[in-house]
Amino acid sequence: MNWQRATTDEKKNERKQAIYKAAFDLFKKNGYDKVSFNGIAAEAGFTKSNMYRYFSSKEEIFLNVFSELFQKWVEDCSKRLQQLEQDETIAHFANTWVQSLISHPHFLDLCPLLFISLESNSSFEQLLEFKRMAKNLLYQLTLEISRVYPDIHDEKAFKLLTLTHAATTNYWAAATQNETLKKIYQQDEFKELKPDFENDLSTSIEIFIQGIRAS
C-alpha cells in the first residue's frame, strides 16, 4: 500500500492507526527486540521517510500504542469499580479487576514488553511524557480503590497497583505459551502446574489486599 501525504487531521489519524496496528502485530509476533522501525514502516505500507513524519523511533511508536491501550483499559476498569459498594468482598473486587483485564487482551499482550521498551533507547522527553500520562491514569484507579476500601489510600493504593501490575505481567506471559509449552502442560505430571491467568491473578490480588490492609 502506498500512502499519499496526509493533509487533514482525519487522514493523519488514519495513518497513525495503520502504524499502530502494524506495530502491535509485529510486537506480538516477534517480541520487542526483533522489531525495527523499518519493519514497522514496511508492515504499514510506509516508506521510512514517511514514517518520520509521525514518529521518530520504534520506542516512540511502542509507547504511543501502549498508552492508547492503557487508557482504554483504565477507563473500562474505573467504570467497573464504580459499580462496587464500599467494603466490597475482596473476592468480588479481585474478580472485577481481572475481568476488566481479560476484556483488553491487546493491552495484556504488550504489558510484558513495556519494561524492555522503557529500558531501551527512549528519549528523556518521551519517557517523561509517558510517566506523567501513566501516573495520571493510575491516580484515577487509586481513587476508586480508596472509595471501595477507605483504609487503602495514597501510597498503599499505589502499592496495590504496583504489585498487581507485576503479577499481571508475569501471569499473562506464562499463560500465553508457545506450542511446546502447551504440550508439556498437557502431560499428567505437569497438569497441576499449568498457568491459569484468571484464577492465579484473582488469588494474588486477594492476597495483596489482605496484606496491605493488615500492614
N, C-alpha and C. Protein backbone atom coordinates (compact mmCIF):
# COMPACT_ATOMS: atom_id res chain seq x y z
N MET A 1 0.85 -1.20 0.00
CA MET A 1 0.00 0.00 0.00
C MET A 1 0.88 1.24 0.00
N ASN A 2 0.59 2.16 -0.90
CA ASN A 2 1.35 3.41 -0.97
C ASN A 2 0.50 4.55 -0.44
N TRP A 3 0.93 5.11 0.69
CA TRP A 3 0.19 6.20 1.32
C TRP A 3 0.63 7.53 0.73
N GLN A 4 -0.32 8.33 0.32
CA GLN A 4 -0.02 9.70 -0.06
C GLN A 4 0.05 10.54 1.20
N ARG A 5 0.70 11.68 1.12
CA ARG A 5 0.86 12.52 2.30
C ARG A 5 -0.50 12.98 2.83
N ALA A 6 -0.68 12.81 4.14
CA ALA A 6 -1.94 13.19 4.77
C ALA A 6 -2.03 14.71 4.88
N THR A 7 -3.19 15.25 4.54
CA THR A 7 -3.35 16.71 4.56
C THR A 7 -4.41 17.17 5.55
N THR A 8 -5.12 16.25 6.18
CA THR A 8 -6.13 16.61 7.17
C THR A 8 -5.88 15.83 8.45
N ASP A 9 -6.47 16.33 9.55
CA ASP A 9 -6.32 15.63 10.83
C ASP A 9 -6.88 14.22 10.76
N GLU A 10 -7.99 14.07 10.05
CA GLU A 10 -8.61 12.74 9.92
C GLU A 10 -7.67 11.78 9.19
N LYS A 11 -7.05 12.25 8.14
CA LYS A 11 -6.13 11.40 7.39
C LYS A 11 -4.88 11.08 8.22
N LYS A 12 -4.40 12.07 8.97
CA LYS A 12 -3.23 11.84 9.81
C LYS A 12 -3.54 10.79 10.87
N ASN A 13 -4.73 10.87 11.45
CA ASN A 13 -5.12 9.88 12.45
C ASN A 13 -5.24 8.50 11.82
N GLU A 14 -5.74 8.46 10.60
CA GLU A 14 -5.84 7.19 9.87
C GLU A 14 -4.46 6.58 9.67
N ARG A 15 -3.49 7.41 9.32
CA ARG A 15 -2.12 6.92 9.12
C ARG A 15 -1.55 6.38 10.43
N LYS A 16 -1.77 7.13 11.52
CA LYS A 16 -1.25 6.69 12.82
C LYS A 16 -1.87 5.37 13.25
N GLN A 17 -3.16 5.21 13.00
CA GLN A 17 -3.82 3.95 13.37
C GLN A 17 -3.26 2.79 12.57
N ALA A 18 -2.93 3.04 11.31
CA ALA A 18 -2.32 2.00 10.48
C ALA A 18 -0.95 1.61 11.04
N ILE A 19 -0.20 2.61 11.49
CA ILE A 19 1.11 2.35 12.09
C ILE A 19 0.95 1.59 13.40
N TYR A 20 -0.02 2.01 14.23
CA TYR A 20 -0.27 1.33 15.50
C TYR A 20 -0.58 -0.15 15.28
N LYS A 21 -1.46 -0.43 14.31
CA LYS A 21 -1.84 -1.82 14.06
C LYS A 21 -0.65 -2.64 13.58
N ALA A 22 0.12 -2.07 12.66
CA ALA A 22 1.29 -2.77 12.15
C ALA A 22 2.29 -3.04 13.27
N ALA A 23 2.50 -2.04 14.11
CA ALA A 23 3.45 -2.19 15.22
C ALA A 23 2.98 -3.23 16.21
N PHE A 24 1.70 -3.18 16.56
CA PHE A 24 1.17 -4.16 17.52
C PHE A 24 1.33 -5.58 16.99
N ASP A 25 0.96 -5.78 15.74
CA ASP A 25 1.07 -7.12 15.14
C ASP A 25 2.50 -7.64 15.20
N LEU A 26 3.45 -6.77 14.90
CA LEU A 26 4.85 -7.19 14.89
C LEU A 26 5.38 -7.41 16.31
N PHE A 27 5.03 -6.54 17.24
CA PHE A 27 5.48 -6.70 18.62
C PHE A 27 4.95 -8.00 19.21
N LYS A 28 3.68 -8.30 18.95
CA LYS A 28 3.08 -9.52 19.48
C LYS A 28 3.71 -10.75 18.86
N LYS A 29 3.97 -10.71 17.58
CA LYS A 29 4.50 -11.86 16.86
C LYS A 29 5.98 -12.09 17.13
N ASN A 30 6.77 -11.03 17.15
CA ASN A 30 8.23 -11.17 17.18
C ASN A 30 8.89 -10.72 18.47
N GLY A 31 8.13 -10.11 19.40
CA GLY A 31 8.77 -9.56 20.58
C GLY A 31 9.29 -8.17 20.28
N TYR A 32 9.81 -7.51 21.30
CA TYR A 32 10.23 -6.11 21.13
C TYR A 32 11.54 -5.98 20.37
N ASP A 33 12.54 -6.74 20.78
CA ASP A 33 13.89 -6.56 20.23
C ASP A 33 13.99 -6.89 18.75
N LYS A 34 13.13 -7.78 18.27
CA LYS A 34 13.23 -8.22 16.88
C LYS A 34 12.42 -7.36 15.91
N VAL A 35 11.81 -6.32 16.44
CA VAL A 35 11.04 -5.41 15.59
C VAL A 35 11.85 -4.14 15.36
N SER A 36 11.88 -3.68 14.13
CA SER A 36 12.64 -2.47 13.80
C SER A 36 11.70 -1.38 13.28
N PHE A 37 12.19 -0.17 13.29
CA PHE A 37 11.44 0.97 12.76
C PHE A 37 11.11 0.73 11.29
N ASN A 38 12.11 0.25 10.52
CA ASN A 38 11.90 -0.03 9.11
C ASN A 38 10.88 -1.15 8.91
N GLY A 39 10.91 -2.14 9.82
CA GLY A 39 9.98 -3.24 9.72
C GLY A 39 8.54 -2.79 9.92
N ILE A 40 8.34 -1.89 10.88
CA ILE A 40 7.00 -1.35 11.12
C ILE A 40 6.54 -0.56 9.90
N ALA A 41 7.44 0.23 9.33
CA ALA A 41 7.10 1.03 8.14
C ALA A 41 6.66 0.11 7.01
N ALA A 42 7.41 -0.95 6.78
CA ALA A 42 7.08 -1.88 5.70
C ALA A 42 5.74 -2.57 5.95
N GLU A 43 5.52 -2.98 7.22
CA GLU A 43 4.26 -3.66 7.57
C GLU A 43 3.06 -2.73 7.36
N ALA A 44 3.25 -1.45 7.63
CA ALA A 44 2.16 -0.48 7.48
C ALA A 44 2.04 0.06 6.06
N GLY A 45 2.99 -0.28 5.20
CA GLY A 45 2.96 0.21 3.83
C GLY A 45 3.50 1.62 3.68
N PHE A 46 4.42 2.00 4.57
CA PHE A 46 5.03 3.33 4.54
C PHE A 46 6.49 3.23 4.08
N THR A 47 6.98 4.33 3.57
CA THR A 47 8.42 4.44 3.39
C THR A 47 8.99 4.97 4.71
N LYS A 48 10.28 4.78 4.91
CA LYS A 48 10.92 5.24 6.14
C LYS A 48 10.75 6.75 6.30
N SER A 49 10.91 7.49 5.20
CA SER A 49 10.80 8.95 5.28
C SER A 49 9.39 9.38 5.66
N ASN A 50 8.38 8.66 5.16
CA ASN A 50 7.00 8.99 5.53
C ASN A 50 6.74 8.70 7.01
N MET A 51 7.34 7.63 7.50
CA MET A 51 7.16 7.28 8.91
C MET A 51 7.67 8.37 9.82
N TYR A 52 8.77 9.01 9.43
CA TYR A 52 9.37 10.04 10.27
C TYR A 52 8.48 11.28 10.40
N ARG A 53 7.47 11.38 9.58
CA ARG A 53 6.53 12.49 9.73
C ARG A 53 5.62 12.30 10.93
N TYR A 54 5.56 11.06 11.41
CA TYR A 54 4.66 10.75 12.51
C TYR A 54 5.39 10.34 13.79
N PHE A 55 6.48 9.61 13.63
CA PHE A 55 7.22 9.11 14.79
C PHE A 55 8.72 9.15 14.51
N SER A 56 9.49 9.27 15.60
CA SER A 56 10.94 9.39 15.44
C SER A 56 11.68 8.08 15.69
N SER A 57 11.01 7.09 16.30
CA SER A 57 11.70 5.85 16.64
C SER A 57 10.71 4.73 16.94
N LYS A 58 11.23 3.52 16.98
CA LYS A 58 10.42 2.36 17.38
C LYS A 58 9.91 2.55 18.80
N GLU A 59 10.75 3.08 19.67
CA GLU A 59 10.37 3.27 21.07
C GLU A 59 9.18 4.21 21.20
N GLU A 60 9.19 5.29 20.43
CA GLU A 60 8.09 6.25 20.47
C GLU A 60 6.80 5.59 19.99
N ILE A 61 6.89 4.77 18.95
CA ILE A 61 5.71 4.07 18.44
C ILE A 61 5.15 3.15 19.50
N PHE A 62 6.03 2.37 20.13
CA PHE A 62 5.56 1.42 21.15
C PHE A 62 4.86 2.16 22.29
N LEU A 63 5.47 3.21 22.79
CA LEU A 63 4.88 3.93 23.92
C LEU A 63 3.53 4.55 23.54
N ASN A 64 3.39 4.98 22.30
CA ASN A 64 2.10 5.52 21.85
C ASN A 64 1.04 4.44 21.75
N VAL A 65 1.42 3.28 21.21
CA VAL A 65 0.49 2.15 21.12
C VAL A 65 0.08 1.71 22.51
N PHE A 66 1.07 1.54 23.39
CA PHE A 66 0.78 1.08 24.76
C PHE A 66 -0.09 2.10 25.49
N SER A 67 0.21 3.38 25.33
CA SER A 67 -0.54 4.43 26.02
C SER A 67 -2.01 4.41 25.63
N GLU A 68 -2.28 4.21 24.36
CA GLU A 68 -3.67 4.17 23.89
C GLU A 68 -4.42 2.98 24.49
N LEU A 69 -3.78 1.82 24.49
CA LEU A 69 -4.40 0.63 25.06
C LEU A 69 -4.55 0.75 26.58
N PHE A 70 -3.55 1.34 27.21
CA PHE A 70 -3.55 1.55 28.66
C PHE A 70 -4.73 2.43 29.06
N GLN A 71 -4.93 3.52 28.33
CA GLN A 71 -6.01 4.46 28.65
C GLN A 71 -7.37 3.78 28.51
N LYS A 72 -7.54 2.98 27.46
CA LYS A 72 -8.82 2.29 27.26
C LYS A 72 -9.10 1.31 28.39
N TRP A 73 -8.04 0.60 28.85
CA TRP A 73 -8.26 -0.33 29.95
C TRP A 73 -8.60 0.40 31.25
N VAL A 74 -7.89 1.47 31.55
CA VAL A 74 -8.15 2.23 32.79
C VAL A 74 -9.58 2.76 32.80
N GLU A 75 -10.02 3.28 31.67
CA GLU A 75 -11.39 3.79 31.60
C GLU A 75 -12.40 2.67 31.88
N ASP A 76 -12.17 1.50 31.30
CA ASP A 76 -13.06 0.37 31.50
C ASP A 76 -13.01 -0.12 32.94
N CYS A 77 -11.81 -0.27 33.47
CA CYS A 77 -11.64 -0.76 34.84
C CYS A 77 -12.29 0.21 35.83
N SER A 78 -12.13 1.50 35.63
CA SER A 78 -12.71 2.51 36.53
C SER A 78 -14.23 2.40 36.54
N LYS A 79 -14.82 2.24 35.37
CA LYS A 79 -16.28 2.11 35.29
C LYS A 79 -16.77 0.87 36.04
N ARG A 80 -16.03 -0.22 35.92
CA ARG A 80 -16.42 -1.45 36.61
C ARG A 80 -16.30 -1.29 38.13
N LEU A 81 -15.21 -0.63 38.57
CA LEU A 81 -15.02 -0.44 40.00
C LEU A 81 -16.07 0.50 40.59
N GLN A 82 -16.55 1.43 39.78
CA GLN A 82 -17.58 2.37 40.25
C GLN A 82 -18.88 1.66 40.60
N GLN A 83 -19.06 0.46 40.08
CA GLN A 83 -20.27 -0.30 40.37
C GLN A 83 -20.18 -1.06 41.70
N LEU A 84 -18.99 -1.08 42.30
CA LEU A 84 -18.81 -1.81 43.55
C LEU A 84 -19.17 -0.95 44.75
N GLU A 85 -19.67 -1.59 45.78
CA GLU A 85 -20.02 -0.91 47.02
C GLU A 85 -18.78 -0.74 47.90
N GLN A 86 -18.85 0.18 48.86
CA GLN A 86 -17.75 0.33 49.82
C GLN A 86 -17.61 -0.97 50.62
N ASP A 87 -16.37 -1.36 50.85
CA ASP A 87 -16.05 -2.60 51.57
C ASP A 87 -16.62 -3.83 50.88
N GLU A 88 -16.60 -3.78 49.54
CA GLU A 88 -16.99 -4.93 48.74
C GLU A 88 -16.13 -6.13 49.13
N THR A 89 -16.64 -7.34 48.96
CA THR A 89 -15.83 -8.51 49.27
C THR A 89 -14.57 -8.49 48.42
N ILE A 90 -13.48 -8.91 48.98
CA ILE A 90 -12.21 -8.90 48.27
C ILE A 90 -12.27 -9.79 47.04
N ALA A 91 -12.95 -10.92 47.17
CA ALA A 91 -13.05 -11.85 46.04
C ALA A 91 -13.76 -11.20 44.86
N HIS A 92 -14.84 -10.45 45.14
CA HIS A 92 -15.58 -9.79 44.05
C HIS A 92 -14.76 -8.66 43.45
N PHE A 93 -14.06 -7.91 44.29
CA PHE A 93 -13.19 -6.85 43.79
C PHE A 93 -12.13 -7.43 42.85
N ALA A 94 -11.47 -8.50 43.30
CA ALA A 94 -10.41 -9.12 42.51
C ALA A 94 -10.95 -9.65 41.19
N ASN A 95 -12.11 -10.27 41.22
CA ASN A 95 -12.71 -10.80 40.00
C ASN A 95 -13.08 -9.69 39.04
N THR A 96 -13.61 -8.59 39.58
CA THR A 96 -13.95 -7.43 38.73
C THR A 96 -12.72 -6.89 38.04
N TRP A 97 -11.64 -6.79 38.78
CA TRP A 97 -10.38 -6.28 38.22
C TRP A 97 -9.86 -7.19 37.12
N VAL A 98 -9.86 -8.49 37.37
CA VAL A 98 -9.33 -9.45 36.40
C VAL A 98 -10.19 -9.49 35.14
N GLN A 99 -11.50 -9.42 35.30
CA GLN A 99 -12.38 -9.43 34.14
C GLN A 99 -12.15 -8.21 33.26
N SER A 100 -11.83 -7.09 33.87
CA SER A 100 -11.53 -5.89 33.07
C SER A 100 -10.28 -6.11 32.23
N LEU A 101 -9.30 -6.78 32.80
CA LEU A 101 -8.07 -7.06 32.05
C LEU A 101 -8.32 -8.05 30.93
N ILE A 102 -9.07 -9.09 31.21
CA ILE A 102 -9.36 -10.09 30.19
C ILE A 102 -10.08 -9.48 29.00
N SER A 103 -10.83 -8.42 29.25
CA SER A 103 -11.55 -7.74 28.18
C SER A 103 -10.64 -6.90 27.30
N HIS A 104 -9.37 -6.78 27.68
CA HIS A 104 -8.41 -5.98 26.91
C HIS A 104 -7.15 -6.80 26.62
N PRO A 105 -7.28 -7.85 25.81
CA PRO A 105 -6.13 -8.74 25.54
C PRO A 105 -4.96 -8.05 24.84
N HIS A 106 -5.24 -7.06 24.00
CA HIS A 106 -4.14 -6.36 23.33
C HIS A 106 -3.26 -5.63 24.34
N PHE A 107 -3.90 -5.02 25.33
CA PHE A 107 -3.16 -4.35 26.40
C PHE A 107 -2.30 -5.37 27.15
N LEU A 108 -2.89 -6.51 27.47
CA LEU A 108 -2.15 -7.55 28.18
C LEU A 108 -0.97 -8.06 27.36
N ASP A 109 -1.17 -8.18 26.06
CA ASP A 109 -0.09 -8.68 25.21
C ASP A 109 1.16 -7.79 25.25
N LEU A 110 0.95 -6.50 25.43
CA LEU A 110 2.10 -5.58 25.41
C LEU A 110 2.69 -5.32 26.79
N CYS A 111 1.96 -5.68 27.85
CA CYS A 111 2.46 -5.44 29.21
C CYS A 111 3.85 -6.05 29.45
N PRO A 112 4.09 -7.30 29.04
CA PRO A 112 5.42 -7.87 29.29
C PRO A 112 6.55 -7.17 28.53
N LEU A 113 6.19 -6.40 27.50
CA LEU A 113 7.20 -5.72 26.69
C LEU A 113 7.50 -4.31 27.17
N LEU A 114 6.70 -3.80 28.08
CA LEU A 114 6.83 -2.40 28.49
C LEU A 114 8.19 -2.10 29.10
N PHE A 115 8.63 -2.93 30.04
CA PHE A 115 9.90 -2.66 30.71
C PHE A 115 11.05 -2.67 29.72
N ILE A 116 11.00 -3.58 28.76
CA ILE A 116 12.05 -3.65 27.74
C ILE A 116 12.11 -2.34 26.97
N SER A 117 10.92 -1.82 26.64
CA SER A 117 10.87 -0.56 25.90
C SER A 117 11.42 0.59 26.72
N LEU A 118 11.02 0.66 27.99
CA LEU A 118 11.46 1.77 28.84
C LEU A 118 12.96 1.73 29.07
N GLU A 119 13.53 0.52 29.06
CA GLU A 119 14.97 0.39 29.28
C GLU A 119 15.76 0.53 27.99
N SER A 120 15.07 0.71 26.88
CA SER A 120 15.73 0.78 25.59
C SER A 120 16.18 2.21 25.28
N ASN A 121 15.95 2.64 24.05
CA ASN A 121 16.52 3.93 23.61
C ASN A 121 15.54 5.08 23.63
N SER A 122 14.51 5.00 24.44
CA SER A 122 13.56 6.11 24.53
C SER A 122 14.26 7.36 25.06
N SER A 123 13.87 8.50 24.53
CA SER A 123 14.48 9.75 24.97
C SER A 123 13.92 10.15 26.32
N PHE A 124 14.61 11.07 26.99
CA PHE A 124 14.14 11.57 28.28
C PHE A 124 12.76 12.19 28.13
N GLU A 125 12.56 12.95 27.06
CA GLU A 125 11.28 13.62 26.86
C GLU A 125 10.15 12.61 26.66
N GLN A 126 10.43 11.55 25.89
CA GLN A 126 9.42 10.52 25.65
C GLN A 126 9.04 9.82 26.94
N LEU A 127 10.05 9.46 27.72
CA LEU A 127 9.79 8.76 28.98
C LEU A 127 9.06 9.66 29.97
N LEU A 128 9.44 10.93 30.02
CA LEU A 128 8.79 11.86 30.94
C LEU A 128 7.31 12.01 30.59
N GLU A 129 7.03 12.16 29.32
CA GLU A 129 5.63 12.28 28.88
C GLU A 129 4.85 11.01 29.21
N PHE A 130 5.46 9.86 28.96
CA PHE A 130 4.78 8.59 29.24
C PHE A 130 4.54 8.42 30.73
N LYS A 131 5.55 8.71 31.55
CA LYS A 131 5.41 8.55 33.00
C LYS A 131 4.32 9.47 33.56
N ARG A 132 4.23 10.68 33.06
CA ARG A 132 3.20 11.60 33.53
C ARG A 132 1.82 11.09 33.15
N MET A 133 1.70 10.59 31.91
CA MET A 133 0.44 10.03 31.47
C MET A 133 0.04 8.84 32.33
N ALA A 134 1.00 7.93 32.57
CA ALA A 134 0.72 6.73 33.35
C ALA A 134 0.34 7.08 34.79
N LYS A 135 1.03 8.05 35.37
CA LYS A 135 0.74 8.45 36.75
C LYS A 135 -0.68 9.00 36.87
N ASN A 136 -1.10 9.82 35.89
CA ASN A 136 -2.44 10.38 35.91
C ASN A 136 -3.51 9.29 35.79
N LEU A 137 -3.25 8.31 34.92
CA LEU A 137 -4.21 7.22 34.75
C LEU A 137 -4.28 6.35 36.01
N LEU A 138 -3.13 6.05 36.58
CA LEU A 138 -3.10 5.24 37.79
C LEU A 138 -3.77 5.95 38.95
N TYR A 139 -3.63 7.27 38.98
CA TYR A 139 -4.27 8.04 40.06
C TYR A 139 -5.79 7.85 40.00
N GLN A 140 -6.35 7.79 38.80
CA GLN A 140 -7.79 7.55 38.67
C GLN A 140 -8.18 6.24 39.33
N LEU A 141 -7.34 5.22 39.16
CA LEU A 141 -7.64 3.91 39.76
C LEU A 141 -7.48 3.95 41.27
N THR A 142 -6.51 4.71 41.77
CA THR A 142 -6.33 4.79 43.23
C THR A 142 -7.56 5.41 43.89
N LEU A 143 -8.18 6.34 43.21
CA LEU A 143 -9.39 6.96 43.77
C LEU A 143 -10.50 5.94 43.93
N GLU A 144 -10.64 5.06 42.95
CA GLU A 144 -11.68 4.03 43.03
C GLU A 144 -11.32 2.98 44.08
N ILE A 145 -10.05 2.63 44.16
CA ILE A 145 -9.61 1.68 45.18
C ILE A 145 -9.90 2.23 46.57
N SER A 146 -9.57 3.50 46.79
CA SER A 146 -9.78 4.12 48.10
C SER A 146 -11.25 4.28 48.43
N ARG A 147 -12.07 4.45 47.42
CA ARG A 147 -13.51 4.55 47.67
C ARG A 147 -14.07 3.21 48.15
N VAL A 148 -13.62 2.12 47.50
CA VAL A 148 -14.09 0.80 47.89
C VAL A 148 -13.50 0.38 49.23
N TYR A 149 -12.21 0.66 49.40
CA TYR A 149 -11.52 0.31 50.65
C TYR A 149 -10.85 1.56 51.21
N PRO A 150 -11.55 2.30 52.07
CA PRO A 150 -11.02 3.57 52.60
C PRO A 150 -9.69 3.42 53.33
N ASP A 151 -9.38 2.22 53.82
CA ASP A 151 -8.11 2.04 54.52
C ASP A 151 -6.95 1.78 53.56
N ILE A 152 -7.25 1.69 52.25
CA ILE A 152 -6.19 1.56 51.24
C ILE A 152 -6.18 2.85 50.42
N HIS A 153 -5.29 3.75 50.77
CA HIS A 153 -5.25 5.04 50.08
C HIS A 153 -3.81 5.49 49.90
N ASP A 154 -3.64 6.51 49.06
CA ASP A 154 -2.33 7.12 48.80
C ASP A 154 -1.28 6.06 48.45
N GLU A 155 -0.22 5.98 49.26
CA GLU A 155 0.88 5.07 48.94
C GLU A 155 0.43 3.62 48.93
N LYS A 156 -0.50 3.26 49.80
CA LYS A 156 -0.97 1.88 49.84
C LYS A 156 -1.72 1.52 48.55
N ALA A 157 -2.49 2.46 48.03
CA ALA A 157 -3.22 2.20 46.79
C ALA A 157 -2.25 2.04 45.62
N PHE A 158 -1.22 2.88 45.57
CA PHE A 158 -0.22 2.75 44.51
C PHE A 158 0.56 1.44 44.67
N LYS A 159 0.79 1.03 45.92
CA LYS A 159 1.47 -0.23 46.16
C LYS A 159 0.66 -1.40 45.61
N LEU A 160 -0.64 -1.36 45.82
CA LEU A 160 -1.51 -2.40 45.28
C LEU A 160 -1.43 -2.42 43.76
N LEU A 161 -1.41 -1.26 43.14
CA LEU A 161 -1.29 -1.19 41.69
C LEU A 161 0.03 -1.77 41.20
N THR A 162 1.12 -1.45 41.90
CA THR A 162 2.43 -1.95 41.51
C THR A 162 2.50 -3.47 41.59
N LEU A 163 2.02 -4.01 42.70
CA LEU A 163 2.04 -5.47 42.88
C LEU A 163 1.14 -6.15 41.86
N THR A 164 -0.02 -5.57 41.62
CA THR A 164 -0.96 -6.17 40.68
C THR A 164 -0.42 -6.15 39.26
N HIS A 165 0.24 -5.05 38.88
CA HIS A 165 0.81 -4.98 37.53
C HIS A 165 1.90 -6.02 37.34
N ALA A 166 2.76 -6.18 38.34
CA ALA A 166 3.83 -7.17 38.23
C ALA A 166 3.26 -8.58 38.08
N ALA A 167 2.24 -8.88 38.88
CA ALA A 167 1.61 -10.20 38.81
C ALA A 167 0.91 -10.39 37.46
N THR A 168 0.24 -9.35 37.01
CA THR A 168 -0.46 -9.41 35.72
C THR A 168 0.50 -9.74 34.59
N THR A 169 1.62 -9.03 34.57
CA THR A 169 2.61 -9.24 33.52
C THR A 169 3.16 -10.66 33.54
N ASN A 170 3.52 -11.14 34.72
CA ASN A 170 4.09 -12.48 34.84
C ASN A 170 3.08 -13.57 34.48
N TYR A 171 1.87 -13.44 35.00
CA TYR A 171 0.86 -14.48 34.75
C TYR A 171 0.42 -14.50 33.29
N TRP A 172 0.31 -13.33 32.67
CA TRP A 172 -0.09 -13.30 31.26
C TRP A 172 1.00 -13.89 30.37
N ALA A 173 2.24 -13.56 30.68
CA ALA A 173 3.35 -14.13 29.90
C ALA A 173 3.38 -15.65 30.03
N ALA A 174 3.08 -16.14 31.23
CA ALA A 174 3.07 -17.58 31.45
C ALA A 174 1.88 -18.25 30.77
N ALA A 175 0.76 -17.54 30.72
CA ALA A 175 -0.46 -18.13 30.17
C ALA A 175 -0.45 -18.18 28.64
N THR A 176 0.25 -17.24 28.01
CA THR A 176 0.30 -17.19 26.55
C THR A 176 1.54 -17.93 26.08
N GLN A 177 1.50 -19.25 26.18
CA GLN A 177 2.66 -20.09 25.93
C GLN A 177 2.78 -20.45 24.46
N ASN A 178 3.98 -20.88 24.10
CA ASN A 178 4.17 -21.41 22.76
C ASN A 178 3.64 -22.85 22.71
N GLU A 179 3.62 -23.42 21.53
CA GLU A 179 3.02 -24.74 21.35
C GLU A 179 3.75 -25.82 22.14
N THR A 180 5.06 -25.69 22.27
CA THR A 180 5.83 -26.70 23.01
C THR A 180 5.42 -26.73 24.47
N LEU A 181 5.30 -25.55 25.09
CA LEU A 181 4.89 -25.48 26.49
C LEU A 181 3.47 -25.99 26.69
N LYS A 182 2.59 -25.70 25.74
CA LYS A 182 1.23 -26.19 25.83
C LYS A 182 1.20 -27.71 25.88
N LYS A 183 2.05 -28.35 25.08
CA LYS A 183 2.11 -29.81 25.07
C LYS A 183 2.66 -30.34 26.39
N ILE A 184 3.62 -29.61 26.97
CA ILE A 184 4.19 -30.03 28.25
C ILE A 184 3.11 -30.06 29.32
N TYR A 185 2.30 -28.99 29.37
CA TYR A 185 1.28 -28.89 30.41
C TYR A 185 0.10 -29.83 30.18
N GLN A 186 0.06 -30.45 29.02
CA GLN A 186 -0.97 -31.45 28.76
C GLN A 186 -0.59 -32.81 29.36
N GLN A 187 0.69 -32.96 29.72
CA GLN A 187 1.14 -34.20 30.34
C GLN A 187 0.62 -34.27 31.77
N ASP A 188 0.21 -35.47 32.19
CA ASP A 188 -0.38 -35.65 33.51
C ASP A 188 0.52 -35.12 34.63
N GLU A 189 1.82 -35.33 34.52
CA GLU A 189 2.72 -34.93 35.60
C GLU A 189 2.87 -33.43 35.74
N PHE A 190 2.44 -32.66 34.74
CA PHE A 190 2.59 -31.20 34.79
C PHE A 190 1.26 -30.45 34.79
N LYS A 191 0.14 -31.17 34.76
CA LYS A 191 -1.16 -30.51 34.67
C LYS A 191 -1.41 -29.56 35.83
N GLU A 192 -0.94 -29.94 37.01
CA GLU A 192 -1.16 -29.08 38.18
C GLU A 192 -0.37 -27.79 38.11
N LEU A 193 0.64 -27.75 37.26
CA LEU A 193 1.48 -26.55 37.13
C LEU A 193 1.03 -25.65 35.98
N LYS A 194 0.00 -26.08 35.26
CA LYS A 194 -0.47 -25.29 34.11
C LYS A 194 -0.96 -23.92 34.58
N PRO A 195 -0.46 -22.85 33.98
CA PRO A 195 -0.88 -21.49 34.39
C PRO A 195 -2.37 -21.26 34.14
N ASP A 196 -3.00 -20.57 35.05
CA ASP A 196 -4.41 -20.20 34.92
C ASP A 196 -4.51 -18.72 35.24
N PHE A 197 -4.45 -17.89 34.21
CA PHE A 197 -4.35 -16.44 34.40
C PHE A 197 -5.44 -15.90 35.31
N GLU A 198 -6.68 -16.25 35.02
CA GLU A 198 -7.80 -15.68 35.76
C GLU A 198 -7.75 -16.04 37.24
N ASN A 199 -7.61 -17.31 37.54
CA ASN A 199 -7.60 -17.74 38.94
C ASN A 199 -6.33 -17.32 39.66
N ASP A 200 -5.19 -17.45 38.98
CA ASP A 200 -3.91 -17.10 39.62
C ASP A 200 -3.87 -15.62 39.98
N LEU A 201 -4.30 -14.76 39.05
CA LEU A 201 -4.25 -13.32 39.31
C LEU A 201 -5.29 -12.92 40.35
N SER A 202 -6.48 -13.48 40.28
CA SER A 202 -7.51 -13.17 41.28
C SER A 202 -7.03 -13.51 42.68
N THR A 203 -6.43 -14.69 42.82
CA THR A 203 -5.92 -15.11 44.13
C THR A 203 -4.83 -14.16 44.62
N SER A 204 -3.94 -13.77 43.72
CA SER A 204 -2.85 -12.86 44.10
C SER A 204 -3.38 -11.51 44.55
N ILE A 205 -4.37 -10.97 43.83
CA ILE A 205 -4.93 -9.68 44.21
C ILE A 205 -5.58 -9.76 45.58
N GLU A 206 -6.26 -10.84 45.86
CA GLU A 206 -6.86 -11.03 47.18
C GLU A 206 -5.79 -11.01 48.27
N ILE A 207 -4.69 -11.71 48.01
CA ILE A 207 -3.59 -11.77 48.97
C ILE A 207 -2.97 -10.39 49.15
N PHE A 208 -2.78 -9.66 48.05
CA PHE A 208 -2.20 -8.31 48.12
C PHE A 208 -3.07 -7.40 48.99
N ILE A 209 -4.37 -7.43 48.75
CA ILE A 209 -5.28 -6.55 49.50
C ILE A 209 -5.26 -6.90 50.99
N GLN A 210 -5.31 -8.18 51.28
CA GLN A 210 -5.29 -8.60 52.68
C GLN A 210 -3.98 -8.17 53.37
N GLY A 211 -2.88 -8.33 52.65
CA GLY A 211 -1.59 -7.95 53.22
C GLY A 211 -1.45 -6.46 53.43
N ILE A 212 -1.90 -5.66 52.45
CA ILE A 212 -1.81 -4.21 52.57
C ILE A 212 -2.72 -3.68 53.68
N ARG A 213 -3.90 -4.27 53.78
CA ARG A 213 -4.83 -3.81 54.84
C ARG A 213 -4.31 -4.18 56.23
N ALA A 214 -3.54 -5.24 56.29
CA ALA A 214 -3.02 -5.68 57.60
C ALA A 214 -1.75 -4.94 58.00
N SER A 215 -1.12 -4.26 57.04
CA SER A 215 0.16 -3.59 57.33
C SER A 215 -0.04 -2.26 58.04
